[in-house]
N, C-alpha and C. Protein backbone atom coordinates (compact mmCIF):
# COMPACT_ATOMS: atom_id res chain seq x y z
N MET A 1 9.22 -16.05 -4.93
CA MET A 1 9.11 -14.76 -4.65
C MET A 1 9.88 -14.14 -3.54
N ASN A 2 11.16 -13.86 -3.52
CA ASN A 2 11.87 -13.16 -2.51
C ASN A 2 12.38 -11.93 -2.48
N ASP A 3 11.98 -11.24 -3.42
CA ASP A 3 12.65 -9.64 -4.05
C ASP A 3 11.23 -8.85 -3.53
N ILE A 4 11.86 -7.31 -3.68
CA ILE A 4 10.97 -6.19 -3.43
C ILE A 4 11.11 -6.01 -4.60
N ILE A 5 10.02 -5.60 -5.46
CA ILE A 5 10.23 -4.94 -6.74
C ILE A 5 9.76 -3.63 -6.52
N SER A 6 10.46 -2.69 -7.05
CA SER A 6 9.94 -1.33 -7.35
C SER A 6 9.59 -0.86 -8.80
N ILE A 7 8.20 0.02 -9.00
CA ILE A 7 8.00 0.09 -10.29
C ILE A 7 7.50 1.62 -10.16
N PRO A 8 8.71 2.58 -10.27
CA PRO A 8 8.36 4.16 -10.18
C PRO A 8 7.51 4.52 -11.33
N ASN A 9 6.67 5.57 -10.89
CA ASN A 9 5.63 6.24 -11.97
C ASN A 9 4.63 5.20 -12.57
N PHE A 10 4.11 4.21 -11.47
CA PHE A 10 3.33 3.22 -11.66
C PHE A 10 2.15 3.30 -12.52
N TYR A 11 1.33 4.61 -11.70
CA TYR A 11 0.24 4.63 -11.87
C TYR A 11 -0.14 6.37 -11.79
N ASN A 12 0.25 7.29 -12.80
CA ASN A 12 0.06 8.60 -12.57
C ASN A 12 -1.69 9.39 -12.52
N ILE A 13 -1.96 9.80 -11.67
CA ILE A 13 -3.31 10.19 -11.53
C ILE A 13 -3.48 12.22 -11.54
N SER A 14 -4.00 12.46 -12.51
CA SER A 14 -4.26 14.04 -12.86
C SER A 14 -4.02 14.59 -11.47
N ASP A 15 -4.29 15.71 -10.99
CA ASP A 15 -4.23 16.85 -9.75
C ASP A 15 -5.72 16.51 -9.55
N SER A 16 -6.60 16.82 -10.27
CA SER A 16 -8.37 16.84 -9.62
C SER A 16 -8.89 15.29 -9.59
N ASP A 17 -8.29 14.22 -10.10
CA ASP A 17 -9.14 13.12 -9.81
C ASP A 17 -7.91 12.74 -8.42
N LYS A 18 -6.84 13.13 -8.55
CA LYS A 18 -6.26 12.64 -7.21
C LYS A 18 -6.58 13.26 -5.90
N LYS A 19 -7.00 14.70 -5.95
CA LYS A 19 -8.05 15.25 -4.97
C LYS A 19 -9.39 14.58 -4.44
N ILE A 20 -10.10 13.97 -5.80
CA ILE A 20 -11.54 13.53 -5.38
C ILE A 20 -11.03 11.90 -4.88
N LEU A 21 -10.40 11.52 -5.05
CA LEU A 21 -9.78 10.03 -4.82
C LEU A 21 -9.29 10.25 -3.27
N ILE A 22 -8.32 11.41 -2.68
CA ILE A 22 -7.92 11.72 -1.56
C ILE A 22 -9.03 11.80 -0.19
N GLU A 23 -10.34 12.53 -1.08
CA GLU A 23 -11.47 12.88 -0.31
C GLU A 23 -12.04 11.27 -0.03
N ASP A 24 -11.96 10.38 -1.26
CA ASP A 24 -12.83 9.09 -0.69
C ASP A 24 -12.14 8.87 0.13
N ILE A 25 -10.51 8.27 0.13
CA ILE A 25 -9.82 7.66 1.27
C ILE A 25 -10.25 8.31 2.63
N PHE A 26 -10.18 9.67 2.97
CA PHE A 26 -10.48 10.10 3.94
C PHE A 26 -11.83 9.93 4.46
N TYR A 27 -12.91 9.98 3.62
CA TYR A 27 -13.93 9.47 4.05
C TYR A 27 -14.39 8.12 4.47
N SER A 28 -13.45 7.33 3.99
CA SER A 28 -13.63 5.66 4.54
C SER A 28 -12.94 5.61 5.72
N LYS A 29 -11.71 6.82 5.98
CA LYS A 29 -10.86 6.58 7.16
C LYS A 29 -11.62 7.20 8.25
N ARG A 30 -12.49 8.18 8.02
CA ARG A 30 -13.54 8.69 9.15
C ARG A 30 -14.31 7.03 9.37
N LEU A 31 -15.45 7.16 8.50
CA LEU A 31 -15.89 5.47 9.07
C LEU A 31 -15.30 4.54 9.71
N HIS A 32 -13.94 4.09 9.12
CA HIS A 32 -13.08 3.26 10.08
C HIS A 32 -12.98 3.60 11.64
N ASP A 33 -12.89 4.73 11.52
CA ASP A 33 -11.98 5.65 12.88
C ASP A 33 -13.18 5.51 13.52
N SER A 34 -14.34 5.87 13.17
CA SER A 34 -15.76 5.70 14.05
C SER A 34 -15.87 4.96 14.80
N LYS A 35 -15.69 4.09 14.13
CA LYS A 35 -16.23 2.42 14.55
C LYS A 35 -15.85 2.14 16.32
N PRO A 36 -16.35 1.90 17.26
CA PRO A 36 -16.01 1.57 18.45
C PRO A 36 -14.75 1.00 18.71
N ASN A 37 -14.55 -0.34 18.21
CA ASN A 37 -13.66 -1.17 18.03
C ASN A 37 -12.63 -0.91 17.28
N SER A 38 -12.47 0.46 16.68
CA SER A 38 -11.67 0.64 15.46
C SER A 38 -10.06 1.01 16.40
N LEU A 39 -8.96 0.39 15.85
CA LEU A 39 -7.62 0.51 15.89
C LEU A 39 -6.85 1.60 15.67
N GLY A 40 -7.83 2.63 14.84
CA GLY A 40 -7.41 3.78 14.69
C GLY A 40 -6.25 3.57 13.67
N VAL A 41 -5.01 4.69 13.78
CA VAL A 41 -3.91 4.47 12.91
C VAL A 41 -3.02 2.91 12.86
N SER A 42 -3.60 2.35 13.78
CA SER A 42 -2.39 1.17 13.98
C SER A 42 -3.03 0.05 12.62
N THR A 43 -3.91 0.19 11.87
CA THR A 43 -4.15 -0.38 10.77
C THR A 43 -4.63 0.10 9.93
N ASN A 44 -4.31 -0.56 8.80
CA ASN A 44 -5.22 -0.34 7.13
C ASN A 44 -6.62 0.16 7.34
N PHE A 45 -7.05 0.48 6.41
CA PHE A 45 -8.51 0.55 6.60
C PHE A 45 -9.13 0.45 5.43
N LEU A 46 -9.97 -0.30 4.99
CA LEU A 46 -10.72 -0.45 3.87
C LEU A 46 -11.24 0.67 3.36
N VAL A 47 -11.24 0.90 1.83
CA VAL A 47 -11.37 2.12 1.36
C VAL A 47 -12.44 1.76 0.59
N THR A 48 -13.67 2.44 1.00
CA THR A 48 -15.01 1.88 0.84
C THR A 48 -15.62 3.02 -0.46
N LYS A 49 -14.88 3.93 -0.49
CA LYS A 49 -15.39 5.15 -1.68
C LYS A 49 -14.68 5.08 -2.58
N ASP A 50 -15.31 4.91 -3.79
CA ASP A 50 -13.98 5.43 -5.01
C ASP A 50 -15.16 5.60 -6.16
N ARG A 51 -15.14 7.15 -5.79
CA ARG A 51 -16.10 7.61 -7.08
C ARG A 51 -15.61 7.73 -8.43
N LEU A 52 -14.62 7.76 -8.60
CA LEU A 52 -14.08 7.84 -10.16
C LEU A 52 -13.46 6.11 -10.28
N ASN A 53 -13.63 5.28 -9.78
CA ASN A 53 -13.26 4.04 -10.20
C ASN A 53 -11.92 3.78 -10.38
N ILE A 54 -11.03 4.60 -9.55
CA ILE A 54 -9.71 4.56 -9.80
C ILE A 54 -9.30 3.46 -9.11
N LEU A 55 -9.55 3.04 -7.98
CA LEU A 55 -8.99 2.07 -7.60
C LEU A 55 -8.85 0.50 -8.08
N LYS A 56 -10.07 0.50 -9.19
CA LYS A 56 -10.43 -0.59 -9.60
C LYS A 56 -9.19 -0.77 -10.99
N LYS A 57 -9.20 0.74 -11.33
CA LYS A 57 -8.32 0.59 -12.81
C LYS A 57 -6.81 -0.10 -12.16
N MET A 58 -6.86 0.80 -11.07
CA MET A 58 -5.14 0.64 -10.54
C MET A 58 -5.21 -0.71 -10.18
N TYR A 59 -6.04 -1.54 -9.59
CA TYR A 59 -6.12 -2.95 -8.97
C TYR A 59 -5.62 -3.80 -10.66
N ASP A 60 -6.44 -3.36 -11.75
CA ASP A 60 -6.33 -4.03 -12.45
C ASP A 60 -4.74 -4.37 -13.50
N GLN A 61 -4.07 -3.07 -13.39
CA GLN A 61 -2.87 -2.64 -13.98
C GLN A 61 -2.02 -3.50 -12.93
N ILE A 62 -2.33 -3.60 -11.60
CA ILE A 62 -1.39 -4.22 -10.39
C ILE A 62 -1.61 -5.69 -11.13
N LEU A 63 -2.79 -6.28 -11.48
CA LEU A 63 -2.59 -7.65 -11.69
C LEU A 63 -2.07 -8.05 -13.36
N GLU A 64 -2.19 -7.10 -13.93
CA GLU A 64 -1.62 -7.21 -15.38
C GLU A 64 -0.01 -7.32 -15.35
N THR A 65 0.58 -6.45 -14.22
CA THR A 65 2.05 -6.08 -14.20
C THR A 65 2.55 -7.73 -13.64
N CYS A 66 1.34 -8.04 -12.43
CA CYS A 66 2.06 -9.47 -11.88
C CYS A 66 2.12 -10.26 -12.76
N LYS A 67 1.40 -10.44 -13.78
CA LYS A 67 1.17 -11.47 -14.58
C LYS A 67 2.32 -11.48 -15.33
N ASN A 68 2.67 -10.34 -15.89
CA ASN A 68 3.84 -10.27 -16.55
C ASN A 68 5.12 -10.37 -16.05
N LEU A 69 5.27 -10.20 -14.51
CA LEU A 69 6.34 -10.73 -13.95
C LEU A 69 6.76 -11.98 -13.49
N PHE A 70 5.51 -12.63 -13.22
CA PHE A 70 5.46 -14.18 -12.35
C PHE A 70 5.32 -15.00 -13.23
N LYS A 71 5.64 -16.40 -13.42
CA LYS A 71 5.26 -17.54 -14.20
C LYS A 71 3.98 -17.78 -14.45
N GLU A 72 3.79 -17.73 -13.19
CA GLU A 72 1.85 -18.16 -13.35
C GLU A 72 1.26 -17.68 -12.24
N ILE A 73 -0.02 -17.34 -12.83
CA ILE A 73 -0.64 -16.76 -11.20
C ILE A 73 -1.96 -17.13 -11.84
N ASP A 74 -2.55 -18.27 -10.81
CA ASP A 74 -3.77 -18.90 -10.54
C ASP A 74 -4.40 -18.13 -9.21
N LEU A 75 -5.34 -17.05 -9.90
CA LEU A 75 -6.22 -16.37 -8.69
C LEU A 75 -7.03 -17.41 -8.22
N ALA A 76 -7.09 -17.35 -6.53
CA ALA A 76 -8.06 -17.94 -5.68
C ALA A 76 -9.06 -17.46 -5.82
N ASP A 77 -10.01 -18.44 -5.31
CA ASP A 77 -11.67 -17.98 -5.13
C ASP A 77 -11.52 -16.65 -4.18
N ARG A 78 -11.00 -16.71 -3.12
CA ARG A 78 -11.06 -16.11 -1.97
C ARG A 78 -10.56 -14.48 -2.58
N ASN A 79 -9.77 -14.35 -3.54
CA ASN A 79 -8.95 -13.11 -3.99
C ASN A 79 -9.77 -11.95 -4.08
N SER A 80 -9.23 -10.63 -3.92
CA SER A 80 -10.55 -9.46 -4.14
C SER A 80 -9.66 -8.42 -4.31
N THR A 81 -10.42 -7.53 -5.31
CA THR A 81 -9.89 -6.25 -5.52
C THR A 81 -9.78 -5.40 -4.42
N LYS A 82 -10.28 -5.46 -3.47
CA LYS A 82 -10.42 -4.44 -2.16
C LYS A 82 -9.19 -3.78 -2.26
N CYS A 83 -9.08 -2.57 -2.00
CA CYS A 83 -8.11 -1.43 -1.37
C CYS A 83 -7.81 -1.07 -0.12
N TRP A 84 -7.03 -1.35 0.75
CA TRP A 84 -6.79 -0.86 1.88
C TRP A 84 -5.94 0.14 1.91
N SER A 85 -5.81 1.41 3.05
CA SER A 85 -5.12 2.40 3.14
C SER A 85 -4.47 2.57 4.59
N LEU A 86 -3.44 3.30 4.26
CA LEU A 86 -2.79 3.85 5.50
C LEU A 86 -2.39 5.26 5.52
N CYS A 87 -3.01 6.08 6.18
CA CYS A 87 -2.60 7.37 6.08
C CYS A 87 -2.06 7.88 7.70
N THR A 88 -0.73 8.42 7.69
CA THR A 88 -0.05 8.95 8.56
C THR A 88 0.67 10.18 8.36
N ASN A 89 0.73 11.11 9.46
CA ASN A 89 1.48 12.20 9.65
C ASN A 89 1.87 12.40 11.34
N LYS A 90 2.68 13.32 11.52
CA LYS A 90 3.16 13.81 12.56
C LYS A 90 2.08 12.81 13.83
N ASP A 91 0.80 13.66 14.01
CA ASP A 91 0.10 13.04 14.85
C ASP A 91 -0.63 11.61 14.87
N TYR A 92 -0.93 11.17 13.60
CA TYR A 92 -1.28 9.48 13.35
C TYR A 92 -0.13 8.83 12.80
N TRP A 93 0.41 8.08 13.61
CA TRP A 93 1.16 7.32 13.75
C TRP A 93 1.82 6.15 14.20
N GLU A 94 1.90 4.93 14.26
CA GLU A 94 2.44 3.84 15.28
C GLU A 94 2.96 2.69 14.94
N SER A 95 4.16 2.45 15.43
CA SER A 95 4.71 1.37 14.67
C SER A 95 3.98 0.01 14.90
N VAL A 96 3.72 -0.56 13.84
CA VAL A 96 3.13 -1.72 13.86
C VAL A 96 3.83 -2.87 12.76
N PRO A 97 5.18 -3.52 13.06
CA PRO A 97 5.65 -4.39 12.12
C PRO A 97 4.58 -5.63 11.71
N HIS A 98 4.36 -5.70 10.87
CA HIS A 98 3.84 -7.23 10.33
C HIS A 98 4.08 -7.38 8.82
N ASP A 99 3.68 -8.94 8.79
CA ASP A 99 3.99 -9.51 7.13
C ASP A 99 2.06 -9.48 6.99
N HIS A 100 2.14 -10.32 5.91
CA HIS A 100 0.84 -10.36 4.80
C HIS A 100 0.93 -11.81 4.56
N LEU A 101 1.25 -12.50 5.38
CA LEU A 101 1.40 -14.50 5.30
C LEU A 101 -0.29 -14.64 5.37
N GLU A 102 -0.88 -14.11 6.00
CA GLU A 102 -2.34 -14.50 6.30
C GLU A 102 -3.51 -13.87 5.28
N THR A 103 -2.87 -12.78 4.55
CA THR A 103 -3.67 -12.24 3.68
C THR A 103 -3.61 -12.06 2.42
N SER A 104 -2.24 -12.87 1.85
CA SER A 104 -2.17 -12.35 0.33
C SER A 104 -0.87 -13.20 -0.27
N THR A 105 -0.93 -13.44 -1.23
CA THR A 105 0.41 -14.21 -2.14
C THR A 105 1.30 -13.33 -2.52
N ILE A 106 0.62 -12.03 -2.76
CA ILE A 106 1.31 -10.97 -3.64
C ILE A 106 0.81 -9.45 -2.69
N ASN A 107 1.90 -9.26 -2.12
CA ASN A 107 1.29 -8.02 -1.41
C ASN A 107 1.86 -6.36 -2.16
N THR A 108 1.32 -5.56 -2.20
CA THR A 108 1.51 -4.46 -3.38
C THR A 108 1.15 -3.49 -2.07
N VAL A 109 1.96 -2.37 -2.46
CA VAL A 109 2.03 -1.03 -1.66
C VAL A 109 2.11 0.11 -2.92
N TYR A 110 1.01 1.29 -3.45
CA TYR A 110 1.18 2.14 -4.10
C TYR A 110 1.07 3.60 -3.20
N TYR A 111 2.14 4.24 -3.47
CA TYR A 111 2.62 5.65 -2.61
C TYR A 111 1.40 6.65 -3.39
N LEU A 112 0.56 6.91 -2.81
CA LEU A 112 -0.29 8.28 -3.84
C LEU A 112 0.24 9.65 -3.59
N GLN A 113 0.66 9.44 -2.17
CA GLN A 113 1.04 10.62 -1.50
C GLN A 113 2.18 10.84 -0.51
N ILE A 114 3.33 11.27 -0.89
CA ILE A 114 4.73 11.17 0.22
C ILE A 114 4.76 12.98 0.49
N PRO A 115 4.88 13.08 1.69
CA PRO A 115 5.13 14.59 2.17
C PRO A 115 6.96 14.58 1.65
N LYS A 116 7.26 15.80 2.37
CA LYS A 116 8.47 16.20 2.05
C LYS A 116 8.61 17.11 3.19
N ILE A 117 10.09 17.15 3.84
CA ILE A 117 10.59 18.23 4.50
C ILE A 117 11.89 18.46 4.18
N ASP A 118 11.93 20.19 4.06
CA ASP A 118 13.27 20.82 3.59
C ASP A 118 13.36 20.09 2.17
N ASN A 119 12.66 20.16 1.33
CA ASN A 119 12.32 19.76 -0.17
C ASN A 119 12.94 17.89 -0.20
N ASP A 120 13.04 17.21 1.10
CA ASP A 120 13.10 15.62 1.01
C ASP A 120 12.41 14.78 1.37
N PHE A 121 11.66 13.97 0.31
CA PHE A 121 10.71 13.06 0.51
C PHE A 121 11.21 12.47 2.11
N CYS A 122 9.92 12.07 2.57
CA CYS A 122 9.75 11.41 4.21
C CYS A 122 8.57 10.54 4.13
N GLY A 123 8.80 9.80 5.59
CA GLY A 123 7.68 8.61 5.81
C GLY A 123 7.85 7.41 5.13
N LYS A 124 9.57 6.98 5.45
CA LYS A 124 9.89 5.86 4.84
C LYS A 124 9.23 4.25 5.37
N ILE A 125 9.42 3.25 4.45
CA ILE A 125 8.92 2.05 4.62
C ILE A 125 10.36 1.24 5.22
N ARG A 126 10.18 0.33 6.06
CA ARG A 126 11.37 -0.24 6.37
C ARG A 126 11.03 -1.99 6.70
N PHE A 127 12.35 -2.11 6.23
CA PHE A 127 11.97 -3.77 5.83
C PHE A 127 12.86 -4.79 6.51
N LEU A 128 12.15 -5.76 7.61
CA LEU A 128 13.41 -6.61 8.59
C LEU A 128 13.86 -7.62 7.63
N ILE A 129 15.07 -7.53 7.29
CA ILE A 129 15.68 -8.35 6.74
C ILE A 129 16.99 -8.84 7.11
N ASN A 130 17.09 -10.39 7.29
CA ASN A 130 18.13 -10.73 8.21
C ASN A 130 18.49 -10.12 9.45
N ASP A 131 17.12 -9.78 10.50
CA ASP A 131 17.22 -9.40 11.74
C ASP A 131 17.67 -7.82 11.59
N LYS A 132 17.60 -7.17 10.74
CA LYS A 132 18.25 -5.93 10.43
C LYS A 132 17.07 -5.11 9.51
N TRP A 133 16.63 -4.05 10.59
CA TRP A 133 15.65 -3.01 9.81
C TRP A 133 16.53 -2.44 8.50
N ILE A 134 16.16 -2.37 7.27
CA ILE A 134 16.60 -1.80 6.31
C ILE A 134 15.46 -0.39 5.86
N ASP A 135 15.72 0.70 5.81
CA ASP A 135 14.70 1.48 5.50
C ASP A 135 15.09 1.95 3.91
N TYR A 136 13.69 2.23 3.04
CA TYR A 136 13.63 2.26 2.46
C TYR A 136 12.85 3.65 1.78
N GLN A 137 12.85 4.72 0.69
CA GLN A 137 12.29 5.81 0.85
C GLN A 137 11.56 5.81 -0.28
N PRO A 138 10.02 5.55 -0.41
CA PRO A 138 9.35 5.53 -1.68
C PRO A 138 9.01 7.11 -2.23
N LYS A 139 8.73 6.84 -3.60
CA LYS A 139 8.51 8.01 -4.23
C LYS A 139 6.68 8.10 -4.40
N PRO A 140 6.21 9.35 -4.76
CA PRO A 140 4.88 9.30 -5.32
C PRO A 140 4.95 8.58 -6.45
N ASN A 141 3.71 8.16 -6.58
CA ASN A 141 3.44 6.86 -7.93
C ASN A 141 3.91 5.77 -8.27
N GLU A 142 4.75 5.82 -6.60
CA GLU A 142 5.73 4.25 -7.16
C GLU A 142 4.89 3.01 -6.71
N LEU A 143 5.12 1.97 -7.14
CA LEU A 143 4.37 0.74 -6.56
C LEU A 143 5.48 -0.10 -6.24
N LEU A 144 5.45 -0.86 -4.94
CA LEU A 144 6.06 -1.86 -4.39
C LEU A 144 5.72 -3.11 -4.55
N ILE A 145 6.13 -4.09 -4.88
CA ILE A 145 5.74 -5.61 -4.85
C ILE A 145 6.62 -6.42 -3.70
N ILE A 146 5.99 -6.79 -2.40
CA ILE A 146 6.69 -7.12 -1.48
C ILE A 146 6.36 -8.54 -1.13
N PRO A 147 7.32 -9.33 -0.97
CA PRO A 147 6.95 -10.75 -0.43
C PRO A 147 5.88 -10.68 0.91
N ASN A 148 4.91 -11.66 0.50
CA ASN A 148 3.95 -11.81 1.79
C ASN A 148 4.53 -11.77 3.19
N CYS A 149 5.77 -12.51 2.91
CA CYS A 149 6.46 -12.88 4.37
C CYS A 149 7.43 -12.12 4.80
N LEU A 150 7.76 -11.14 3.97
CA LEU A 150 8.46 -10.04 5.13
C LEU A 150 8.00 -9.01 5.73
N VAL A 151 8.33 -9.09 6.70
CA VAL A 151 7.77 -7.64 8.21
C VAL A 151 8.46 -6.49 7.60
N HIS A 152 7.59 -5.58 7.74
CA HIS A 152 7.85 -4.37 7.30
C HIS A 152 6.96 -3.46 8.26
N ASP A 153 7.03 -2.09 8.13
CA ASP A 153 6.53 -1.44 9.02
C ASP A 153 6.65 0.56 8.23
N THR A 154 6.33 1.67 8.68
CA THR A 154 6.70 2.70 8.36
C THR A 154 7.33 3.23 9.47
N THR A 155 8.04 4.33 8.72
CA THR A 155 8.93 5.29 9.83
C THR A 155 7.99 6.60 10.25
N PHE A 156 8.34 7.35 11.27
CA PHE A 156 7.67 8.47 11.75
C PHE A 156 8.45 9.30 10.71
N HIS A 157 7.19 10.38 10.15
CA HIS A 157 7.64 11.76 9.77
C HIS A 157 7.45 12.86 10.37
N ASN A 158 8.02 13.86 11.17
CA ASN A 158 7.57 14.81 11.67
C ASN A 158 6.95 15.85 10.55
N THR A 159 5.89 15.77 10.04
CA THR A 159 5.17 16.84 9.13
C THR A 159 3.65 16.30 9.26
N GLU A 160 2.60 17.54 9.33
CA GLU A 160 1.16 17.34 9.08
C GLU A 160 0.71 17.10 7.84
N GLU A 161 1.72 16.61 6.63
CA GLU A 161 1.17 16.52 5.61
C GLU A 161 1.00 14.99 5.43
N TRP A 162 0.06 14.47 4.99
CA TRP A 162 -0.04 13.19 4.71
C TRP A 162 0.76 12.29 3.96
N ARG A 163 0.78 10.96 4.70
CA ARG A 163 1.40 10.06 3.83
C ARG A 163 0.56 9.00 3.68
N ILE A 164 0.01 9.04 2.11
CA ILE A 164 -0.97 7.76 2.16
C ILE A 164 -0.75 6.87 1.35
N SER A 165 -0.45 5.52 1.63
CA SER A 165 -0.55 4.43 0.83
C SER A 165 -1.74 3.55 0.56
N LEU A 166 -1.48 3.05 -0.82
CA LEU A 166 -2.94 2.12 -0.96
C LEU A 166 -2.04 0.62 -0.85
N ASN A 167 -2.73 -0.21 -0.39
CA ASN A 167 -2.58 -1.87 -0.46
C ASN A 167 -3.43 -2.71 -0.89
N PHE A 168 -2.80 -3.37 -2.18
CA PHE A 168 -3.93 -4.13 -2.86
C PHE A 168 -3.15 -5.73 -2.74
N GLU A 169 -3.85 -6.66 -2.32
CA GLU A 169 -3.63 -7.82 -2.16
C GLU A 169 -3.87 -9.01 -2.91
N ILE A 170 -3.15 -9.76 -3.29
CA ILE A 170 -3.30 -10.76 -4.40
C ILE A 170 -3.25 -11.82 -3.92
N ILE A 171 -4.28 -12.74 -4.01
CA ILE A 171 -4.38 -14.45 -3.41
C ILE A 171 -4.46 -15.30 -4.31
N THR A 172 -3.02 -16.21 -4.84
CA THR A 172 -3.14 -17.39 -5.56
C THR A 172 -3.28 -18.48 -5.06
N ASN A 173 -3.44 -19.47 -5.89
CA ASN A 173 -3.55 -21.07 -5.35
C ASN A 173 -2.08 -21.47 -5.65
N ASN A 174 -1.11 -20.92 -5.94
CA ASN A 174 0.09 -21.29 -6.50
C ASN A 174 1.35 -20.50 -5.77
N LYS A 175 2.37 -20.89 -5.59
CA LYS A 175 3.60 -20.42 -5.19
C LYS A 175 3.92 -19.41 -6.43
N LEU A 176 4.48 -18.59 -6.17
CA LEU A 176 4.99 -17.39 -7.40
C LEU A 176 6.38 -17.53 -7.56
N TYR A 177 7.05 -17.88 -8.88
CA TYR A 177 8.46 -17.53 -9.34
C TYR A 177 8.78 -16.68 -10.19
N LEU A 178 9.50 -15.66 -10.30
CA LEU A 178 9.48 -14.30 -11.18
C LEU A 178 10.01 -15.32 -12.75
N LYS A 179 9.52 -14.33 -13.52
CA LYS A 179 9.89 -15.23 -14.90
C LYS A 179 11.47 -14.88 -15.34
């Protein structure tokens, strides 16, 4: 698995359901941020509330999509359906380049909300490829499937609106190859 895969309009959520999901995400963020040892915006936080069960449905669709993309997926016993989120805006952002070698075989990021400045989306993700940073502008409802070894980070966006991404990690017992 060496490529970044983009799936636009992967999972569309009604406005009313999205509003509830965002409330649940920020409930989880407040819990995370209130812990004495919290690193705040420098790390993803576990989404612990999902009143409409949207995240489980989204995970199931992500897993099914990955099963269609890769030759074989042998899920590890330690695989989890947990969802992590990162919420950034002009006041809550920090550069933390990272990979997912220790935490996943398949790293996926779903973009629930992407802010706009002057009618252009902002809040890019950047990838370190061949020692060079490459910026990519995701769109709302887009899913990226990213190799777990690829170092990536978010870019600063100068808006009060929240950029909300959801991270689902799949752990397999085997290496993956595209079909």
